[in-house]
Amino acid sequence: MSIADKAKNVVQQTVGKAEEAVGKKTDDTELTAQGEKDQTMGSARQSVEKTKDALDEK
């Protein structure tokens, strides 16, 4: 996994956490859902990249 991809995934997760927190504080269910989605997407992308790395090592 390239460092740029890893950083991009972490940033997406962090932005998602922030969106979720703001959404909960403002009772904005759409923003909360977007934040949860961003976190999930960041985690999924990180998992895919880790799998690619593991396959490349073989």
N, C-alpha and C. Protein backbone atom coordinates (compact mmCIF):
# COMPACT_ATOMS: atom_id res chain seq x y z
N MET A 1 0.85 -1.16 0.00
CA MET A 1 0.00 0.00 0.00
C MET A 1 0.90 1.22 0.00
N SER A 2 0.62 2.11 -0.89
CA SER A 2 1.42 3.33 -0.92
C SER A 2 1.06 4.22 0.27
N ILE A 3 2.00 5.03 0.63
CA ILE A 3 1.79 5.94 1.76
C ILE A 3 0.66 6.91 1.44
N ALA A 4 0.56 7.33 0.20
CA ALA A 4 -0.50 8.26 -0.20
C ALA A 4 -1.88 7.62 -0.03
N ASP A 5 -2.01 6.35 -0.43
CA ASP A 5 -3.29 5.66 -0.28
C ASP A 5 -3.64 5.49 1.20
N LYS A 6 -2.65 5.12 1.99
CA LYS A 6 -2.88 4.93 3.42
C LYS A 6 -3.33 6.24 4.06
N ALA A 7 -2.67 7.33 3.71
CA ALA A 7 -3.03 8.64 4.26
C ALA A 7 -4.43 9.05 3.82
N LYS A 8 -4.75 8.80 2.56
CA LYS A 8 -6.07 9.15 2.03
C LYS A 8 -7.18 8.40 2.79
N ASN A 9 -6.94 7.13 3.07
CA ASN A 9 -7.93 6.33 3.79
C ASN A 9 -8.10 6.82 5.23
N VAL A 10 -6.99 7.16 5.88
CA VAL A 10 -7.06 7.65 7.25
C VAL A 10 -7.78 9.00 7.29
N VAL A 11 -7.50 9.86 6.32
CA VAL A 11 -8.17 11.16 6.26
C VAL A 11 -9.67 10.97 6.07
N GLN A 12 -10.04 10.03 5.20
CA GLN A 12 -11.47 9.80 4.97
C GLN A 12 -12.16 9.32 6.25
N GLN A 13 -11.49 8.45 6.99
CA GLN A 13 -12.06 7.98 8.25
C GLN A 13 -12.18 9.12 9.25
N THR A 14 -11.17 9.96 9.32
CA THR A 14 -11.18 11.08 10.26
C THR A 14 -12.27 12.09 9.92
N VAL A 15 -12.40 12.39 8.64
CA VAL A 15 -13.46 13.31 8.21
C VAL A 15 -14.83 12.70 8.53
N GLY A 16 -14.95 11.41 8.33
CA GLY A 16 -16.20 10.73 8.65
C GLY A 16 -16.55 10.83 10.12
N LYS A 17 -15.54 10.67 10.98
CA LYS A 17 -15.78 10.78 12.42
C LYS A 17 -16.23 12.19 12.78
N ALA A 18 -15.60 13.18 12.16
CA ALA A 18 -15.97 14.57 12.43
C ALA A 18 -17.39 14.85 11.95
N GLU A 19 -17.71 14.39 10.75
CA GLU A 19 -19.07 14.60 10.22
C GLU A 19 -20.11 13.93 11.11
N GLU A 20 -19.81 12.73 11.55
CA GLU A 20 -20.74 12.02 12.42
C GLU A 20 -20.95 12.78 13.73
N ALA A 21 -19.87 13.27 14.32
CA ALA A 21 -19.97 14.01 15.58
C ALA A 21 -20.78 15.29 15.42
N VAL A 22 -20.51 16.03 14.35
CA VAL A 22 -21.25 17.27 14.10
C VAL A 22 -22.72 16.95 13.83
N GLY A 23 -22.97 15.89 13.07
CA GLY A 23 -24.34 15.49 12.77
C GLY A 23 -25.12 15.14 14.02
N LYS A 24 -24.45 14.46 14.96
CA LYS A 24 -25.13 14.09 16.22
C LYS A 24 -25.40 15.32 17.07
N LYS A 25 -24.44 16.25 17.10
CA LYS A 25 -24.62 17.46 17.91
C LYS A 25 -25.73 18.36 17.36
N THR A 26 -25.90 18.35 16.04
CA THR A 26 -26.89 19.24 15.42
C THR A 26 -28.17 18.49 15.04
N ASP A 27 -28.26 17.24 15.45
CA ASP A 27 -29.42 16.40 15.11
C ASP A 27 -29.65 16.33 13.61
N ASP A 28 -28.57 16.29 12.85
CA ASP A 28 -28.63 16.19 11.39
C ASP A 28 -28.38 14.73 11.02
N THR A 29 -29.45 13.98 10.80
CA THR A 29 -29.31 12.55 10.53
C THR A 29 -28.59 12.29 9.20
N GLU A 30 -28.77 13.17 8.24
CA GLU A 30 -28.10 12.99 6.94
C GLU A 30 -26.58 13.13 7.09
N LEU A 31 -26.14 14.12 7.84
CA LEU A 31 -24.71 14.32 8.05
C LEU A 31 -24.13 13.16 8.89
N THR A 32 -24.87 12.71 9.86
CA THR A 32 -24.43 11.57 10.67
C THR A 32 -24.26 10.34 9.79
N ALA A 33 -25.22 10.09 8.92
CA ALA A 33 -25.15 8.93 8.02
C ALA A 33 -23.98 9.07 7.05
N GLN A 34 -23.75 10.28 6.54
CA GLN A 34 -22.62 10.51 5.63
C GLN A 34 -21.30 10.23 6.35
N GLY A 35 -21.20 10.66 7.59
CA GLY A 35 -19.99 10.42 8.37
C GLY A 35 -19.75 8.94 8.59
N GLU A 36 -20.80 8.21 8.91
CA GLU A 36 -20.68 6.76 9.10
C GLU A 36 -20.26 6.09 7.79
N LYS A 37 -20.83 6.55 6.69
CA LYS A 37 -20.48 5.99 5.38
C LYS A 37 -19.01 6.24 5.05
N ASP A 38 -18.55 7.45 5.30
CA ASP A 38 -17.15 7.78 5.02
C ASP A 38 -16.20 6.93 5.85
N GLN A 39 -16.54 6.71 7.10
CA GLN A 39 -15.71 5.87 7.96
C GLN A 39 -15.66 4.44 7.43
N THR A 40 -16.79 3.92 7.03
CA THR A 40 -16.87 2.56 6.50
C THR A 40 -16.08 2.44 5.21
N MET A 41 -16.21 3.43 4.34
CA MET A 41 -15.49 3.39 3.07
C MET A 41 -13.98 3.45 3.29
N GLY A 42 -13.54 4.29 4.21
CA GLY A 42 -12.11 4.38 4.52
C GLY A 42 -11.57 3.08 5.06
N SER A 43 -12.34 2.45 5.94
CA SER A 43 -11.92 1.16 6.51
C SER A 43 -11.88 0.08 5.44
N ALA A 44 -12.88 0.06 4.58
CA ALA A 44 -12.94 -0.95 3.53
C ALA A 44 -11.77 -0.79 2.56
N ARG A 45 -11.47 0.43 2.19
CA ARG A 45 -10.34 0.67 1.28
C ARG A 45 -9.03 0.25 1.92
N GLN A 46 -8.89 0.50 3.21
CA GLN A 46 -7.68 0.10 3.91
C GLN A 46 -7.56 -1.43 3.92
N SER A 47 -8.66 -2.11 4.13
CA SER A 47 -8.65 -3.57 4.12
C SER A 47 -8.26 -4.12 2.76
N VAL A 48 -8.77 -3.51 1.70
CA VAL A 48 -8.43 -3.93 0.34
C VAL A 48 -6.94 -3.74 0.08
N GLU A 49 -6.42 -2.59 0.50
CA GLU A 49 -5.00 -2.32 0.29
C GLU A 49 -4.12 -3.29 1.07
N LYS A 50 -4.53 -3.62 2.30
CA LYS A 50 -3.76 -4.58 3.10
C LYS A 50 -3.78 -5.97 2.45
N THR A 51 -4.92 -6.34 1.88
CA THR A 51 -5.02 -7.62 1.19
C THR A 51 -4.11 -7.64 -0.03
N LYS A 52 -4.10 -6.55 -0.78
CA LYS A 52 -3.21 -6.45 -1.94
C LYS A 52 -1.75 -6.60 -1.52
N ASP A 53 -1.39 -5.92 -0.42
CA ASP A 53 -0.02 -6.02 0.07
C ASP A 53 0.33 -7.45 0.46
N ALA A 54 -0.60 -8.13 1.11
CA ALA A 54 -0.34 -9.50 1.54
C ALA A 54 -0.16 -10.42 0.34
N LEU A 55 -0.92 -10.20 -0.72
CA LEU A 55 -0.79 -11.01 -1.92
C LEU A 55 0.49 -10.71 -2.67
N ASP A 56 0.92 -9.46 -2.65
CA ASP A 56 2.16 -9.07 -3.30
C ASP A 56 3.38 -9.67 -2.62
N GLU A 57 3.30 -9.91 -1.32
CA GLU A 57 4.41 -10.46 -0.56
C GLU A 57 4.65 -11.93 -0.90
N LYS A 58 3.66 -12.61 -1.43
CA LYS A 58 3.80 -14.05 -1.71
C LYS A 58 4.53 -14.30 -2.98
